Amino acid sequence: QVQLQESGPGLVKPSQTLSLTCTVSGGAITTGHYYWTWIRQPPGKGLEWIGTVTYSDSTYYSPSLKSRTSISRDTSKNQFTLRLNSVTPEDTAVYYCTRNLENWGQGTQVTVSS
């Protein structure tokens, strides 16, 4: 059974870079035709797709966030990492990592505030 766990700072200052890591256990991120995705949910709003890295290391980003986003993998640690630059309070949300939108981490709250 694959498990995903998000980690990273819960508080980020405006204009800084948000960096979150998803650690995967129970399956290698390079095997299977899986899509490893970051999604967020701002307070009082719905889920928003941020971006995806595939089993073959292709990346796809939301057009609205693409200029500020990068997703990378560390296959030696079986992790994938989200970096979101130049954050504002509008980036405050619960951030989730997921495999194929079927398996989800528990989510981590990130607040952008000075």
PDB file of N, CA and C in Angstrom:
ATOM      1  N   GLN A   1       0.837  -1.181   0.000  1.00  0.00           N
ATOM      2  CA  GLN A   1       0.000   0.000   0.000  1.00  0.00           C
ATOM      3  C   GLN A   1       0.884   1.248   0.000  1.00  0.00           C
ATOM      4  N   VAL A   2       0.757   2.046  -1.036  1.00  0.00           N
ATOM      5  CA  VAL A   2       1.587   3.247  -1.124  1.00  0.00           C
ATOM      6  C   VAL A   2       1.099   4.277  -0.120  1.00  0.00           C
ATOM      7  N   GLN A   3       2.044   4.974   0.468  1.00  0.00           N
ATOM      8  CA  GLN A   3       1.725   6.055   1.396  1.00  0.00           C
ATOM      9  C   GLN A   3       2.522   7.297   1.004  1.00  0.00           C
ATOM     10  N   LEU A   4       1.899   8.461   1.173  1.00  0.00           N
ATOM     11  CA  LEU A   4       2.533   9.725   0.846  1.00  0.00           C
ATOM     12  C   LEU A   4       2.480  10.632   2.079  1.00  0.00           C
ATOM     13  N   GLN A   5       3.551  11.364   2.285  1.00  0.00           N
ATOM     14  CA  GLN A   5       3.633  12.257   3.440  1.00  0.00           C
ATOM     15  C   GLN A   5       4.273  13.576   3.022  1.00  0.00           C
ATOM     16  N   GLU A   6       3.526  14.660   3.222  1.00  0.00           N
ATOM     17  CA  GLU A   6       4.058  15.988   2.930  1.00  0.00           C
ATOM     18  C   GLU A   6       4.885  16.512   4.114  1.00  0.00           C
ATOM     19  N   SER A   7       5.894  17.289   3.800  1.00  0.00           N
ATOM     20  CA  SER A   7       6.678  17.927   4.853  1.00  0.00           C
ATOM     21  C   SER A   7       7.188  19.270   4.352  1.00  0.00           C
ATOM     22  N   GLY A   8       7.352  20.185   5.294  1.00  0.00           N
ATOM     23  CA  GLY A   8       7.846  21.507   4.951  1.00  0.00           C
ATOM     24  C   GLY A   8       7.399  22.525   5.978  1.00  0.00           C
ATOM     25  N   PRO A   9       7.840  23.759   5.819  1.00  0.00           N
ATOM     26  CA  PRO A   9       7.488  24.778   6.794  1.00  0.00           C
ATOM     27  C   PRO A   9       6.012  25.147   6.727  1.00  0.00           C
ATOM     28  N   GLY A  10       5.442  25.435   7.865  1.00  0.00           N
ATOM     29  CA  GLY A  10       4.044  25.814   7.925  1.00  0.00           C
ATOM     30  C   GLY A  10       3.815  27.301   7.735  1.00  0.00           C
ATOM     31  N   LEU A  11       4.890  28.083   7.826  1.00  0.00           N
ATOM     32  CA  LEU A  11       4.778  29.524   7.706  1.00  0.00           C
ATOM     33  C   LEU A  11       5.867  30.032   6.775  1.00  0.00           C
ATOM     34  N   VAL A  12       5.463  30.805   5.787  1.00  0.00           N
ATOM     35  CA  VAL A  12       6.398  31.370   4.812  1.00  0.00           C
ATOM     36  C   VAL A  12       6.089  32.861   4.685  1.00  0.00           C
ATOM     37  N   LYS A  13       7.140  33.654   4.586  1.00  0.00           N
ATOM     38  CA  LYS A  13       6.941  35.092   4.456  1.00  0.00           C
ATOM     39  C   LYS A  13       6.656  35.470   3.003  1.00  0.00           C
ATOM     40  N   PRO A  14       5.886  36.504   2.799  1.00  0.00           N
ATOM     41  CA  PRO A  14       5.623  36.971   1.429  1.00  0.00           C
ATOM     42  C   PRO A  14       6.920  37.240   0.683  1.00  0.00           C
ATOM     43  N   SER A  15       6.897  36.928  -0.591  1.00  0.00           N
ATOM     44  CA  SER A  15       8.000  37.071  -1.545  1.00  0.00           C
ATOM     45  C   SER A  15       9.025  35.945  -1.453  1.00  0.00           C
ATOM     46  N   GLN A  16       8.933  35.103  -0.425  1.00  0.00           N
ATOM     47  CA  GLN A  16       9.884  34.001  -0.305  1.00  0.00           C
ATOM     48  C   GLN A  16       9.422  32.794  -1.127  1.00  0.00           C
ATOM     49  N   THR A  17      10.207  31.739  -1.077  1.00  0.00           N
ATOM     50  CA  THR A  17       9.897  30.518  -1.813  1.00  0.00           C
ATOM     51  C   THR A  17       9.353  29.461  -0.866  1.00  0.00           C
ATOM     52  N   LEU A  18       8.209  28.918  -1.241  1.00  0.00           N
ATOM     53  CA  LEU A  18       7.606  27.798  -0.516  1.00  0.00           C
ATOM     54  C   LEU A  18       8.196  26.508  -1.063  1.00  0.00           C
ATOM     55  N   SER A  19       8.673  25.651  -0.186  1.00  0.00           N
ATOM     56  CA  SER A  19       9.241  24.375  -0.609  1.00  0.00           C
ATOM     57  C   SER A  19       8.632  23.253   0.232  1.00  0.00           C
ATOM     58  N   LEU A  20       7.987  22.323  -0.438  1.00  0.00           N
ATOM     59  CA  LEU A  20       7.372  21.176   0.225  1.00  0.00           C
ATOM     60  C   LEU A  20       7.880  19.888  -0.422  1.00  0.00           C
ATOM     61  N   THR A  21       8.062  18.883   0.406  1.00  0.00           N
ATOM     62  CA  THR A  21       8.527  17.577  -0.069  1.00  0.00           C
ATOM     63  C   THR A  21       7.485  16.520   0.228  1.00  0.00           C
ATOM     64  N   CYS A  22       7.287  15.650  -0.718  1.00  0.00           N
ATOM     65  CA  CYS A  22       6.410  14.504  -0.539  1.00  0.00           C
ATOM     66  C   CYS A  22       7.280  13.248  -0.516  1.00  0.00           C
ATOM     67  N   THR A  23       7.251  12.553   0.594  1.00  0.00           N
ATOM     68  CA  THR A  23       7.998  11.306   0.729  1.00  0.00           C
ATOM     69  C   THR A  23       7.054  10.140   0.494  1.00  0.00           C
ATOM     70  N   VAL A  24       7.459   9.269  -0.400  1.00  0.00           N
ATOM     71  CA  VAL A  24       6.617   8.152  -0.814  1.00  0.00           C
ATOM     72  C   VAL A  24       7.180   6.852  -0.273  1.00  0.00           C
ATOM     73  N   SER A  25       6.321   6.038   0.293  1.00  0.00           N
ATOM     74  CA  SER A  25       6.714   4.712   0.748  1.00  0.00           C
ATOM     75  C   SER A  25       5.747   3.686   0.172  1.00  0.00           C
ATOM     76  N   GLY A  26       6.249   2.463   0.024  1.00  0.00           N
ATOM     77  CA  GLY A  26       5.405   1.403  -0.495  1.00  0.00           C
ATOM     78  C   GLY A  26       5.393   1.306  -2.003  1.00  0.00           C
ATOM     79  N   GLY A  27       6.235   2.077  -2.672  1.00  0.00           N
ATOM     80  CA  GLY A  27       6.319   1.999  -4.121  1.00  0.00           C
ATOM     81  C   GLY A  27       7.266   3.056  -4.640  1.00  0.00           C
ATOM     82  N   ALA A  28       8.072   2.688  -5.620  1.00  0.00           N
ATOM     83  CA  ALA A  28       9.041   3.637  -6.175  1.00  0.00           C
ATOM     84  C   ALA A  28       8.353   4.622  -7.100  1.00  0.00           C
ATOM     85  N   ILE A  29       8.790   5.870  -7.058  1.00  0.00           N
ATOM     86  CA  ILE A  29       8.149   6.900  -7.885  1.00  0.00           C
ATOM     87  C   ILE A  29       8.531   6.765  -9.355  1.00  0.00           C
ATOM     88  N   THR A  30       9.488   5.899  -9.645  1.00  0.00           N
ATOM     89  CA  THR A  30       9.915   5.721 -11.032  1.00  0.00           C
ATOM     90  C   THR A  30       9.278   4.513 -11.695  1.00  0.00           C
ATOM     91  N   THR A  31       8.508   3.743 -10.956  1.00  0.00           N
ATOM     92  CA  THR A  31       7.898   2.541 -11.520  1.00  0.00           C
ATOM     93  C   THR A  31       6.402   2.728 -11.722  1.00  0.00           C
ATOM     94  N   GLY A  32       5.867   1.985 -12.668  1.00  0.00           N
ATOM     95  CA  GLY A  32       4.444   2.104 -12.948  1.00  0.00           C
ATOM     96  C   GLY A  32       4.136   3.384 -13.685  1.00  0.00           C
ATOM     97  N   HIS A  33       3.030   3.457 -14.314  1.00  0.00           N
ATOM     98  CA  HIS A  33       2.633   4.653 -15.055  1.00  0.00           C
ATOM     99  C   HIS A  33       1.857   5.583 -14.127  1.00  0.00           C
ATOM    100  N   TYR A  34       2.607   6.129 -13.166  1.00  0.00           N
ATOM    101  CA  TYR A  34       1.975   6.972 -12.161  1.00  0.00           C
ATOM    102  C   TYR A  34       2.306   8.442 -12.367  1.00  0.00           C
ATOM    103  N   TYR A  35       1.356   9.256 -11.958  1.00  0.00           N
ATOM    104  CA  TYR A  35       1.487  10.701 -12.038  1.00  0.00           C
ATOM    105  C   TYR A  35       1.477  11.243 -10.611  1.00  0.00           C
ATOM    106  N   TRP A  36       2.547  11.921 -10.250  1.00  0.00           N
ATOM    107  CA  TRP A  36       2.746  12.413  -8.897  1.00  0.00           C
ATOM    108  C   TRP A  36       2.428  13.902  -8.905  1.00  0.00           C
ATOM    109  N   THR A  37       1.422  14.265  -8.133  1.00  0.00           N
ATOM    110  CA  THR A  37       0.802  15.585  -8.293  1.00  0.00           C
ATOM    111  C   THR A  37       0.752  16.358  -6.985  1.00  0.00           C
ATOM    112  N   TRP A  38       0.871  17.660  -7.122  1.00  0.00           N
ATOM    113  CA  TRP A  38       0.621  18.581  -6.005  1.00  0.00           C
ATOM    114  C   TRP A  38      -0.702  19.312  -6.249  1.00  0.00           C
ATOM    115  N   ILE A  39      -1.507  19.369  -5.196  1.00  0.00           N
ATOM    116  CA  ILE A  39      -2.806  20.029  -5.226  1.00  0.00           C
ATOM    117  C   ILE A  39      -2.916  20.847  -3.961  1.00  0.00           C
ATOM    118  N   ARG A  40      -3.639  21.943  -4.016  1.00  0.00           N
ATOM    119  CA  ARG A  40      -3.836  22.743  -2.814  1.00  0.00           C
ATOM    120  C   ARG A  40      -5.305  23.138  -2.672  1.00  0.00           C
ATOM    121  N   GLN A  41      -5.658  23.488  -1.451  1.00  0.00           N
ATOM    122  CA  GLN A  41      -7.005  23.957  -1.171  1.00  0.00           C
ATOM    123  C   GLN A  41      -6.931  25.199  -0.289  1.00  0.00           C
ATOM    124  N   PRO A  42      -7.123  26.377  -0.874  1.00  0.00           N
ATOM    125  CA  PRO A  42      -7.159  27.603  -0.067  1.00  0.00           C
ATOM    126  C   PRO A  42      -8.361  27.588   0.858  1.00  0.00           C
ATOM    127  N   PRO A  43      -8.315  28.340   1.925  1.00  0.00           N
ATOM    128  CA  PRO A  43      -9.442  28.353   2.865  1.00  0.00           C
ATOM    129  C   PRO A  43     -10.726  28.801   2.189  1.00  0.00           C
ATOM    130  N   GLY A  44     -11.766  28.007   2.364  1.00  0.00           N
ATOM    131  CA  GLY A  44     -13.068  28.330   1.822  1.00  0.00           C
ATOM    132  C   GLY A  44     -13.221  28.116   0.330  1.00  0.00           C
ATOM    133  N   LYS A  45     -12.202  27.496  -0.296  1.00  0.00           N
ATOM    134  CA  LYS A  45     -12.250  27.293  -1.748  1.00  0.00           C
ATOM    135  C   LYS A  45     -12.072  25.827  -2.096  1.00  0.00           C
ATOM    136  N   GLY A  46     -12.186  25.533  -3.366  1.00  0.00           N
ATOM    137  CA  GLY A  46     -12.045  24.160  -3.826  1.00  0.00           C
ATOM    138  C   GLY A  46     -10.604  23.769  -4.065  1.00  0.00           C
ATOM    139  N   LEU A  47     -10.423  22.536  -4.521  1.00  0.00           N
ATOM    140  CA  LEU A  47      -9.095  22.025  -4.816  1.00  0.00           C
ATOM    141  C   LEU A  47      -8.541  22.662  -6.085  1.00  0.00           C
ATOM    142  N   GLU A  48      -7.258  22.935  -6.059  1.00  0.00           N
ATOM    143  CA  GLU A  48      -6.584  23.545  -7.203  1.00  0.00           C
ATOM    144  C   GLU A  48      -5.359  22.718  -7.567  1.00  0.00           C
ATOM    145  N   TRP A  49      -5.290  22.297  -8.817  1.00  0.00           N
ATOM    146  CA  TRP A  49      -4.128  21.565  -9.315  1.00  0.00           C
ATOM    147  C   TRP A  49      -2.960  22.538  -9.461  1.00  0.00           C
ATOM    148  N   ILE A  50      -1.794  22.120  -8.943  1.00  0.00           N
ATOM    149  CA  ILE A  50      -0.588  22.939  -9.053  1.00  0.00           C
ATOM    150  C   ILE A  50       0.318  22.405 -10.151  1.00  0.00           C
ATOM    151  N   GLY A  51       0.584  21.104 -10.104  1.00  0.00           N
ATOM    152  CA  GLY A  51       1.473  20.539 -11.111  1.00  0.00           C
ATOM    153  C   GLY A  51       1.712  19.066 -10.863  1.00  0.00           C
ATOM    154  N   THR A  52       2.342  18.431 -11.848  1.00  0.00           N
ATOM    155  CA  THR A  52       2.533  16.978 -11.853  1.00  0.00           C
ATOM    156  C   THR A  52       3.900  16.634 -12.405  1.00  0.00           C
ATOM    157  N   VAL A  53       4.520  15.637 -11.789  1.00  0.00           N
ATOM    158  CA  VAL A  53       5.715  15.018 -12.368  1.00  0.00           C
ATOM    159  C   VAL A  53       5.386  13.549 -12.589  1.00  0.00           C
ATOM    160  N   THR A  54       5.752  13.043 -13.738  1.00  0.00           N
ATOM    161  CA  THR A  54       5.372  11.680 -14.073  1.00  0.00           C
ATOM    162  C   THR A  54       6.456  10.684 -13.707  1.00  0.00           C
ATOM    163  N   TYR A  55       6.129   9.405 -13.891  1.00  0.00           N
ATOM    164  CA  TYR A  55       7.071   8.316 -13.645  1.00  0.00           C
ATOM    165  C   TYR A  55       8.317   8.445 -14.523  1.00  0.00           C
ATOM    166  N   SER A  56       8.177   9.121 -15.661  1.00  0.00           N
ATOM    167  CA  SER A  56       9.296   9.311 -16.589  1.00  0.00           C
ATOM    168  C   SER A  56       9.917  10.690 -16.470  1.00  0.00           C
ATOM    169  N   ASP A  57       9.563  11.415 -15.422  1.00  0.00           N
ATOM    170  CA  ASP A  57      10.151  12.717 -15.098  1.00  0.00           C
ATOM    171  C   ASP A  57       9.698  13.842 -16.026  1.00  0.00           C
ATOM    172  N   SER A  58       8.570  13.674 -16.680  1.00  0.00           N
ATOM    173  CA  SER A  58       7.974  14.800 -17.386  1.00  0.00           C
ATOM    174  C   SER A  58       7.209  15.649 -16.372  1.00  0.00           C
ATOM    175  N   THR A  59       7.157  16.942 -16.617  1.00  0.00           N
ATOM    176  CA  THR A  59       6.454  17.833 -15.693  1.00  0.00           C
ATOM    177  C   THR A  59       5.392  18.642 -16.418  1.00  0.00           C
ATOM    178  N   TYR A  60       4.330  18.929 -15.698  1.00  0.00           N
ATOM    179  CA  TYR A  60       3.211  19.708 -16.206  1.00  0.00           C
ATOM    180  C   TYR A  60       2.764  20.650 -15.090  1.00  0.00           C
ATOM    181  N   TYR A  61       2.447  21.882 -15.468  1.00  0.00           N
ATOM    182  CA  TYR A  61       2.087  22.876 -14.468  1.00  0.00           C
ATOM    183  C   TYR A  61       0.800  23.580 -14.830  1.00  0.00           C
ATOM    184  N   SER A  62       0.093  24.003 -13.784  1.00  0.00           N
ATOM    185  CA  SER A  62      -1.076  24.846 -13.991  1.00  0.00           C
ATOM    186  C   SER A  62      -0.649  26.136 -14.688  1.00  0.00           C
ATOM    187  N   PRO A  63      -1.346  26.522 -15.745  1.00  0.00           N
ATOM    188  CA  PRO A  63      -0.972  27.756 -16.444  1.00  0.00           C
ATOM    189  C   PRO A  63      -0.942  28.976 -15.526  1.00  0.00           C
ATOM    190  N   SER A  64      -1.825  28.997 -14.547  1.00  0.00           N
ATOM    191  CA  SER A  64      -1.889  30.169 -13.667  1.00  0.00           C
ATOM    192  C   SER A  64      -0.734  30.225 -12.677  1.00  0.00           C
ATOM    193  N   LEU A  65      -0.041  29.109 -12.482  1.00  0.00           N
ATOM    194  CA  LEU A  65       1.062  29.056 -11.509  1.00  0.00           C
ATOM    195  C   LEU A  65       2.400  28.737 -12.160  1.00  0.00           C
ATOM    196  N   LYS A  66       2.381  28.459 -13.439  1.00  0.00           N
ATOM    197  CA  LYS A  66       3.556  27.915 -14.126  1.00  0.00           C
ATOM    198  C   LYS A  66       4.792  28.785 -13.965  1.00  0.00           C
ATOM    199  N   SER A  67       4.614  30.096 -14.001  1.00  0.00           N
ATOM    200  CA  SER A  67       5.772  30.995 -13.950  1.00  0.00           C
ATOM    201  C   SER A  67       6.467  30.961 -12.596  1.00  0.00           C
ATOM    202  N   ARG A  68       5.793  30.450 -11.571  1.00  0.00           N
ATOM    203  CA  ARG A  68       6.354  30.468 -10.219  1.00  0.00           C
ATOM    204  C   ARG A  68       6.638  29.075  -9.667  1.00  0.00           C
ATOM    205  N   THR A  69       6.380  28.031 -10.451  1.00  0.00           N
ATOM    206  CA  THR A  69       6.363  26.670  -9.911  1.00  0.00           C
ATOM    207  C   THR A  69       7.432  25.795 -10.543  1.00  0.00           C
ATOM    208  N   SER A  70       8.002  24.930  -9.734  1.00  0.00           N
ATOM    209  CA  SER A  70       8.814  23.837 -10.258  1.00  0.00           C
ATOM    210  C   SER A  70       8.603  22.606  -9.377  1.00  0.00           C
ATOM    211  N   ILE A  71       8.592  21.462 -10.016  1.00  0.00           N
ATOM    212  CA  ILE A  71       8.480  20.180  -9.311  1.00  0.00           C
ATOM    213  C   ILE A  71       9.639  19.312  -9.763  1.00  0.00           C
ATOM    214  N   SER A  72      10.306  18.726  -8.800  1.00  0.00           N
ATOM    215  CA  SER A  72      11.456  17.889  -9.113  1.00  0.00           C
ATOM    216  C   SER A  72      11.401  16.607  -8.296  1.00  0.00           C
ATOM    217  N   ARG A  73      12.214  15.632  -8.694  1.00  0.00           N
ATOM    218  CA  ARG A  73      12.254  14.352  -8.007  1.00  0.00           C
ATOM    219  C   ARG A  73      13.625  14.100  -7.428  1.00  0.00           C
ATOM    220  N   ASP A  74      13.662  13.380  -6.316  1.00  0.00           N
ATOM    221  CA  ASP A  74      14.900  12.799  -5.791  1.00  0.00           C
ATOM    222  C   ASP A  74      14.655  11.299  -5.710  1.00  0.00           C
ATOM    223  N   THR A  75      15.078  10.588  -6.733  1.00  0.00           N
ATOM    224  CA  THR A  75      14.763   9.167  -6.801  1.00  0.00           C
ATOM    225  C   THR A  75      15.507   8.365  -5.736  1.00  0.00           C
ATOM    226  N   SER A  76      16.656   8.872  -5.290  1.00  0.00           N
ATOM    227  CA  SER A  76      17.405   8.160  -4.244  1.00  0.00           C
ATOM    228  C   SER A  76      16.651   8.167  -2.918  1.00  0.00           C
ATOM    229  N   LYS A  77      15.819   9.180  -2.720  1.00  0.00           N
ATOM    230  CA  LYS A  77      15.042   9.283  -1.475  1.00  0.00           C
ATOM    231  C   LYS A  77      13.563   8.959  -1.700  1.00  0.00           C
ATOM    232  N   ASN A  78      13.217   8.681  -2.948  1.00  0.00           N
ATOM    233  CA  ASN A  78      11.810   8.415  -3.297  1.00  0.00           C
ATOM    234  C   ASN A  78      10.911   9.580  -2.878  1.00  0.00           C
ATOM    235  N   GLN A  79      11.319  10.760  -3.271  1.00  0.00           N
ATOM    236  CA  GLN A  79      10.613  11.985  -2.927  1.00  0.00           C
ATOM    237  C   GLN A  79      10.388  12.844  -4.169  1.00  0.00           C
ATOM    238  N   PHE A  80       9.364  13.686  -4.095  1.00  0.00           N
ATOM    239  CA  PHE A  80       9.250  14.745  -5.084  1.00  0.00           C
ATOM    240  C   PHE A  80       8.908  16.044  -4.352  1.00  0.00           C
ATOM    241  N   THR A  81       9.430  17.127  -4.907  1.00  0.00           N
ATOM    242  CA  THR A  81       9.431  18.404  -4.207  1.00  0.00           C
ATOM    243  C   THR A  81       8.765  19.492  -5.041  1.00  0.00           C
ATOM    244  N   LEU A  82       7.968  20.288  -4.347  1.00  0.00           N
ATOM    245  CA  LEU A  82       7.328  21.460  -4.946  1.00  0.00           C
ATOM    246  C   LEU A  82       8.056  22.712  -4.493  1.00  0.00           C
ATOM    247  N   ARG A  83       8.345  23.585  -5.439  1.00  0.00           N
ATOM    248  CA  ARG A  83       8.845  24.915  -5.110  1.00  0.00           C
ATOM    249  C   ARG A  83       7.952  25.951  -5.774  1.00  0.00           C
ATOM    250  N   LEU A  84       7.461  26.874  -4.959  1.00  0.00           N
ATOM    251  CA  LEU A  84       6.598  27.942  -5.444  1.00  0.00           C
ATOM    252  C   LEU A  84       7.248  29.268  -5.040  1.00  0.00           C
ATOM    253  N   ASN A  85       7.635  30.032  -6.036  1.00  0.00           N
ATOM    254  CA  ASN A  85       8.378  31.262  -5.786  1.00  0.00           C
ATOM    255  C   ASN A  85       7.457  32.449  -5.553  1.00  0.00           C
ATOM    256  N   SER A  86       8.024  33.479  -4.958  1.00  0.00           N
ATOM    257  CA  SER A  86       7.350  34.783  -4.812  1.00  0.00           C
ATOM    258  C   SER A  86       5.940  34.640  -4.246  1.00  0.00           C
ATOM    259  N   VAL A  87       5.837  33.952  -3.135  1.00  0.00           N
ATOM    260  CA  VAL A  87       4.523  33.670  -2.568  1.00  0.00           C
ATOM    261  C   VAL A  87       3.870  34.931  -2.023  1.00  0.00           C
ATOM    262  N   THR A  88       2.543  34.922  -2.026  1.00  0.00           N
ATOM    263  CA  THR A  88       1.723  35.979  -1.446  1.00  0.00           C
ATOM    264  C   THR A  88       0.733  35.332  -0.489  1.00  0.00           C
ATOM    265  N   PRO A  89       0.001  36.126   0.280  1.00  0.00           N
ATOM    266  CA  PRO A  89      -1.008  35.525   1.171  1.00  0.00           C
ATOM    267  C   PRO A  89      -2.041  34.676   0.426  1.00  0.00           C
ATOM    268  N   GLU A  90      -2.237  34.931  -0.870  1.00  0.00           N
ATOM    269  CA  GLU A  90      -3.175  34.121  -1.654  1.00  0.00           C
ATOM    270  C   GLU A  90      -2.691  32.692  -1.860  1.00  0.00           C
ATOM    271  N   ASP A  91      -1.439  32.429  -1.543  1.00  0.00           N
ATOM    272  CA  ASP A  91      -0.907  31.064  -1.632  1.00  0.00           C
ATOM    273  C   ASP A  91      -1.129  30.284  -0.346  1.00  0.00           C
ATOM    274  N   THR A  92      -1.740  30.895   0.637  1.00  0.00           N
ATOM    275  CA  THR A  92      -2.096  30.190   1.870  1.00  0.00           C
ATOM    276  C   THR A  92      -3.106  29.092   1.547  1.00  0.00           C
ATOM    277  N   ALA A  93      -2.798  27.873   1.975  1.00  0.00           N
ATOM    278  CA  ALA A  93      -3.660  26.737   1.618  1.00  0.00           C
ATOM    279  C   ALA A  93      -3.181  25.494   2.355  1.00  0.00           C
ATOM    280  N   VAL A  94      -4.005  24.460   2.286  1.00  0.00           N
ATOM    281  CA  VAL A  94      -3.547  23.120   2.637  1.00  0.00           C
ATOM    282  C   VAL A  94      -3.010  22.493   1.346  1.00  0.00           C
ATOM    283  N   TYR A  95      -1.799  22.005   1.397  1.00  0.00           N
ATOM    284  CA  TYR A  95      -1.130  21.430   0.233  1.00  0.00           C
ATOM    285  C   TYR A  95      -1.097  19.909   0.377  1.00  0.00           C
ATOM    286  N   TYR A  96      -1.485  19.244  -0.724  1.00  0.00           N
ATOM    287  CA  TYR A  96      -1.530  17.791  -0.750  1.00  0.00           C
ATOM    288  C   TYR A  96      -0.626  17.253  -1.870  1.00  0.00           C
ATOM    289  N   CYS A  97      -0.024  16.110  -1.618  1.00  0.00           N
ATOM    290  CA  CYS A  97       0.594  15.367  -2.709  1.00  0.00           C
ATOM    291  C   CYS A  97      -0.221  14.100  -2.920  1.00  0.00           C
ATOM    292  N   THR A  98      -0.250  13.660  -4.156  1.00  0.00           N
ATOM    293  CA  THR A  98      -1.105  12.531  -4.505  1.00  0.00           C
ATOM    294  C   THR A  98      -0.501  11.706  -5.630  1.00  0.00           C
ATOM    295  N   ARG A  99      -0.822  10.450  -5.663  1.00  0.00           N
ATOM    296  CA  ARG A  99      -0.462   9.573  -6.767  1.00  0.00           C
ATOM    297  C   ARG A  99      -1.736   9.288  -7.547  1.00  0.00           C
ATOM    298  N   ASN A 100      -1.755   9.761  -8.788  1.00  0.00           N
ATOM    299  CA  ASN A 100      -2.884   9.480  -9.683  1.00  0.00           C
ATOM    300  C   ASN A 100      -4.221   9.935  -9.112  1.00  0.00           C
ATOM    301  N   LEU A 101      -4.182  10.864  -8.171  1.00  0.00           N
ATOM    302  CA  LEU A 101      -5.393  11.355  -7.507  1.00  0.00           C
ATOM    303  C   LEU A 101      -6.135  10.229  -6.788  1.00  0.00           C
ATOM    304  N   GLU A 102      -5.470   9.118  -6.574  1.00  0.00           N
ATOM    305  CA  GLU A 102      -6.070   7.974  -5.888  1.00  0.00           C
ATOM    306  C   GLU A 102      -5.531   7.825  -4.471  1.00  0.00           C
ATOM    307  N   ASN A 103      -4.245   8.004  -4.337  1.00  0.00           N
ATOM    308  CA  ASN A 103      -3.598   7.934  -3.025  1.00  0.00           C
ATOM    309  C   ASN A 103      -3.137   9.341  -2.655  1.00  0.00           C
ATOM    310  N   TRP A 104      -3.471   9.747  -1.429  1.00  0.00           N
ATOM    311  CA  TRP A 104      -3.217  11.129  -0.994  1.00  0.00           C
ATOM    312  C   TRP A 104      -2.433  11.158   0.309  1.00  0.00           C
ATOM    313  N   GLY A 105      -1.603  12.186   0.435  1.00  0.00           N
ATOM    314  CA  GLY A 105      -1.050  12.478   1.734  1.00  0.00           C
ATOM    315  C   GLY A 105      -2.119  13.122   2.605  1.00  0.00           C
ATOM    316  N   GLN A 106      -1.787  13.330   3.859  1.00  0.00           N
ATOM    317  CA  GLN A 106      -2.757  13.890   4.793  1.00  0.00           C
ATOM    318  C   GLN A 106      -2.935  15.392   4.597  1.00  0.00           C
ATOM    319  N   GLY A 107      -1.999  16.017   3.899  1.00  0.00           N
ATOM    320  CA  GLY A 107      -2.057  17.453   3.682  1.00  0.00           C
ATOM    321  C   GLY A 107      -1.266  18.208   4.733  1.00  0.00           C
ATOM    322  N   THR A 108      -0.740  19.353   4.326  1.00  0.00           N
ATOM    323  CA  THR A 108       0.000  20.196   5.246  1.00  0.00           C
ATOM    324  C   THR A 108      -0.429  21.651   5.057  1.00  0.00           C
ATOM    325  N   GLN A 109      -0.699  22.315   6.154  1.00  0.00           N
ATOM    326  CA  GLN A 109      -1.121  23.709   6.105  1.00  0.00           C
ATOM    327  C   GLN A 109       0.089  24.606   5.891  1.00  0.00           C
ATOM    328  N   VAL A 110      -0.017  25.486   4.909  1.00  0.00           N
ATOM    329  CA  VAL A 110       1.017  26.495   4.682  1.00  0.00           C
ATOM    330  C   VAL A 110       0.348  27.863   4.747  1.00  0.00           C
ATOM    331  N   THR A 111       0.872  28.709   5.586  1.00  0.00           N
ATOM    332  CA  THR A 111       0.369  30.072   5.725  1.00  0.00           C
ATOM    333  C   THR A 111       1.441  31.044   5.254  1.00  0.00           C
ATOM    334  N   VAL A 112       1.042  31.974   4.414  1.00  0.00           N
ATOM    335  CA  VAL A 112       1.963  33.014   3.948  1.00  0.00           C
ATOM    336  C   VAL A 112       1.614  34.297   4.684  1.00  0.00           C
ATOM    337  N   SER A 113       2.525  34.728   5.512  1.00  0.00           N
ATOM    338  CA  SER A 113       2.275  35.906   6.333  1.00  0.00           C
ATOM    339  C   SER A 113       3.595  36.465   6.846  1.00  0.00           C
ATOM    340  N   SER A 114       3.631  37.753   7.007  1.00  0.00           N
ATOM    341  CA  SER A 114       4.822  38.375   7.563  1.00  0.00           C
ATOM    342  C   SER A 114       4.748  38.399   9.092  1.00  0.00           C
TER     343      SER A 114
END
